[in-house]
Amino acid sequence: MVTAFATRPVRRFFQDEARLGLHESVTRRRITARGVKPFQPMLPRYEYFWLYGAVDSSTGESFFLEMPTLDTPCFQAFLSEFSLAFPDTLNVLVLDGAPPHTAHRLNIPENVLLFRLPPYSPELNPVERVWLDVRERLPSGLPENLRSLADDAARVICDYTNDMLMSLTNFGYEHVF
């Protein structure tokens, strides 16, 4: 008997989420007098959104989605949209063990397989480097509102080419997964 898995090419994506919010301002290096701590503006505006992302480190192809929270319904929506974005392949999604990733009520699409990384090992997930780069490319200073921050983040993500994402995520040891 031939399964659906045997008839599709297999791709491996690394997946993770990043929280971006209004109280965070982008910190750049600063020169000050010895012993003087640099001033960092911050406002207590605790509004956030989440970027969900998956990158094929061997090609740089990616899928990103902005969501309001990190929870099971949002992760389910990400999985469904991700599945539709790559319908002709069997997509192995390498991810961490965050509670939404392990929820029993997830409906995993037939063209997606989840592969969980060991606990407490973010260094094994190359998408973490994408989030660091996104934060570096955001405009400095405090954003006016959550929508403007989301728009800035969307511009940064849209500016990535496959080669740029491949250079950020292709560590050379991904063949282990």
Protein backbone atom coordinates (compact mmCIF):
# COMPACT_ATOMS: atom_id res chain seq x y z
CA MET A 1 0.00 0.00 0.00
CA VAL A 2 1.39 3.42 -1.01
CA THR A 3 0.82 6.20 1.50
CA ALA A 4 0.46 9.91 0.81
CA PHE A 5 3.96 10.33 2.29
CA ALA A 6 5.61 8.17 -0.38
CA THR A 7 4.28 10.22 -3.30
CA ARG A 8 5.37 13.67 -2.14
CA PRO A 9 8.81 15.28 -2.01
CA VAL A 10 9.91 16.01 1.57
CA ARG A 11 10.93 19.47 2.79
CA ARG A 12 12.25 20.53 6.19
CA PHE A 13 11.27 23.85 7.73
CA PHE A 14 12.38 25.29 11.05
CA GLN A 15 9.55 27.08 12.89
CA ASP A 16 9.40 29.51 15.80
CA GLU A 17 7.54 32.55 17.09
CA ALA A 18 8.72 35.98 18.21
CA ARG A 19 6.86 38.46 20.38
CA LEU A 20 7.14 42.13 19.44
CA GLY A 21 5.65 44.88 21.55
CA LEU A 22 5.39 48.56 22.27
CA HIS A 23 7.43 48.71 25.45
CA GLU A 24 10.47 47.40 23.63
CA SER A 25 12.59 49.88 21.81
CA VAL A 26 15.43 48.79 19.64
CA THR A 27 18.66 49.09 21.58
CA ARG A 28 21.68 50.14 19.59
CA ARG A 29 25.25 50.44 20.81
CA ARG A 30 26.03 53.74 22.49
CA ILE A 31 29.19 55.46 23.58
CA THR A 32 29.15 57.05 27.01
CA ALA A 33 31.69 58.21 29.56
CA ARG A 34 33.21 55.45 31.66
CA GLY A 35 30.80 54.41 34.40
CA VAL A 36 27.84 56.26 32.87
CA LYS A 37 24.94 54.04 31.95
CA PRO A 38 23.31 55.05 28.66
CA PHE A 39 19.72 56.27 28.76
CA GLN A 40 17.23 53.91 27.10
CA PRO A 41 13.73 55.31 26.56
CA MET A 42 10.93 52.93 27.48
CA LEU A 43 7.24 53.41 28.01
CA PRO A 44 5.08 50.98 29.99
CA ARG A 45 2.84 50.11 27.04
CA TYR A 46 2.32 46.37 27.25
CA GLU A 47 0.77 45.59 23.89
CA TYR A 48 2.18 42.80 21.79
CA PHE A 49 1.73 40.75 18.67
CA TRP A 50 3.44 37.55 17.61
CA LEU A 51 5.26 36.70 14.41
CA TYR A 52 5.04 33.03 13.50
CA GLY A 53 7.62 31.91 10.96
CA ALA A 54 8.97 28.85 9.20
CA VAL A 55 12.08 28.79 7.01
CA ASP A 56 13.48 26.04 4.79
CA SER A 57 17.16 26.57 5.59
CA SER A 58 18.35 24.77 2.45
CA THR A 59 16.47 27.07 0.04
CA GLY A 60 15.53 30.13 2.11
CA GLU A 61 11.85 29.72 1.24
CA SER A 62 9.72 30.93 4.12
CA PHE A 63 6.27 31.47 5.50
CA PHE A 64 5.44 34.17 8.07
CA LEU A 65 2.19 35.07 9.75
CA GLU A 66 1.31 37.81 12.25
CA MET A 67 -0.96 36.67 15.09
CA PRO A 68 -2.33 38.38 18.21
CA THR A 69 -1.18 35.75 20.73
CA LEU A 70 0.82 32.57 21.16
CA ASP A 71 -1.85 29.99 21.86
CA THR A 72 -3.29 26.81 20.38
CA PRO A 73 -5.93 28.45 18.11
CA CYS A 74 -3.33 30.81 16.61
CA PHE A 75 -0.84 27.97 16.13
CA GLN A 76 -3.61 25.93 14.52
CA ALA A 77 -4.29 28.80 12.11
CA PHE A 78 -0.57 29.01 11.34
CA LEU A 79 -0.42 25.26 10.63
CA SER A 80 -3.44 25.43 8.35
CA GLU A 81 -2.11 28.39 6.36
CA PHE A 82 1.38 26.88 6.21
CA SER A 83 -0.09 23.65 4.85
CA LEU A 84 -1.91 25.58 2.13
CA ALA A 85 1.25 27.51 1.20
CA PHE A 86 3.17 24.28 0.46
CA PRO A 87 0.48 21.79 -0.64
CA ASP A 88 2.55 19.60 -2.95
CA THR A 89 5.22 18.55 -0.45
CA LEU A 90 5.40 16.69 2.82
CA ASN A 91 6.61 19.41 5.19
CA VAL A 92 8.58 18.41 8.27
CA LEU A 93 8.24 21.28 10.73
CA VAL A 94 11.06 21.36 13.30
CA LEU A 95 9.90 23.29 16.36
CA ASP A 96 10.31 23.68 20.10
CA GLY A 97 8.06 22.26 22.79
CA ALA A 98 5.99 25.38 23.51
CA PRO A 99 2.57 24.45 24.94
CA PRO A 100 0.64 25.41 21.75
CA HIS A 101 2.91 23.07 19.77
CA THR A 102 2.07 20.11 21.98
CA ALA A 103 -1.66 20.67 22.51
CA HIS A 104 -3.71 17.52 22.06
CA ARG A 105 -6.50 19.32 20.23
CA LEU A 106 -4.27 20.35 17.30
CA ASN A 107 -5.49 19.19 13.94
CA ILE A 108 -2.24 18.61 12.06
CA PRO A 109 -2.68 18.81 8.27
CA GLU A 110 -1.87 15.68 6.28
CA ASN A 111 1.09 17.30 4.53
CA VAL A 112 2.76 18.45 7.78
CA LEU A 113 4.80 16.40 10.26
CA LEU A 114 5.93 17.94 13.55
CA PHE A 115 9.43 17.20 14.83
CA ARG A 116 10.14 18.60 18.28
CA LEU A 117 13.53 19.82 19.39
CA PRO A 118 14.88 18.82 22.81
CA PRO A 119 13.78 21.07 25.70
CA TYR A 120 15.83 24.18 26.44
CA SER A 121 17.74 24.15 23.15
CA PRO A 122 16.92 27.35 21.23
CA GLU A 123 20.42 27.28 19.76
CA LEU A 124 19.31 24.33 17.61
CA ASN A 125 16.60 26.36 15.92
CA PRO A 126 18.05 28.60 13.19
CA VAL A 127 14.90 30.73 13.00
CA GLU A 128 16.03 32.33 16.27
CA ARG A 129 18.67 34.12 14.17
CA VAL A 130 15.94 35.51 11.91
CA TRP A 131 14.18 37.05 14.91
CA LEU A 132 17.44 38.65 16.06
CA ASP A 133 17.95 40.08 12.58
CA VAL A 134 14.35 41.34 12.38
CA ARG A 135 14.83 43.23 15.65
CA GLU A 136 18.12 44.70 14.38
CA ARG A 137 16.44 45.95 11.19
CA LEU A 138 13.48 47.59 12.93
CA PRO A 139 13.68 51.39 13.16
CA SER A 140 15.21 52.61 16.39
CA GLY A 141 13.08 54.46 18.91
CA LEU A 142 9.70 53.75 20.38
CA PRO A 143 6.94 52.91 17.90
CA GLU A 144 3.85 55.13 17.84
CA ASN A 145 1.40 52.26 18.09
CA LEU A 146 1.17 48.51 17.63
CA ARG A 147 0.03 48.78 14.00
CA SER A 148 3.07 50.88 13.02
CA LEU A 149 5.37 48.34 14.69
CA ALA A 150 3.63 45.51 12.86
CA ASP A 151 3.95 47.41 9.57
CA ASP A 152 7.67 47.97 10.20
CA ALA A 153 8.14 44.26 10.97
CA ALA A 154 6.21 43.31 7.83
CA ARG A 155 8.45 45.56 5.73
CA VAL A 156 11.55 43.94 7.21
CA ILE A 157 10.23 40.44 6.51
CA CYS A 158 9.14 41.34 2.97
CA ASP A 159 12.64 42.69 2.24
CA TYR A 160 14.23 39.30 2.95
CA THR A 161 15.30 37.34 -0.08
CA ASN A 162 15.65 33.57 -0.08
CA ASP A 163 19.44 34.00 -0.13
CA MET A 164 19.34 36.27 2.92
CA LEU A 165 17.17 33.82 4.87
CA MET A 166 19.36 30.93 3.77
CA SER A 167 22.47 32.75 5.01
CA LEU A 168 20.79 33.37 8.38
CA THR A 169 19.46 29.85 8.87
CA ASN A 170 21.75 27.40 7.08
CA PHE A 171 24.05 26.33 9.92
CA GLY A 172 25.39 23.24 8.18
CA TYR A 173 24.20 20.77 10.82
CA GLU A 174 20.53 20.77 9.77
CA HIS A 175 21.01 17.44 8.00
CA VAL A 176 20.79 15.85 11.46
CA PHE A 177 17.07 16.69 11.55
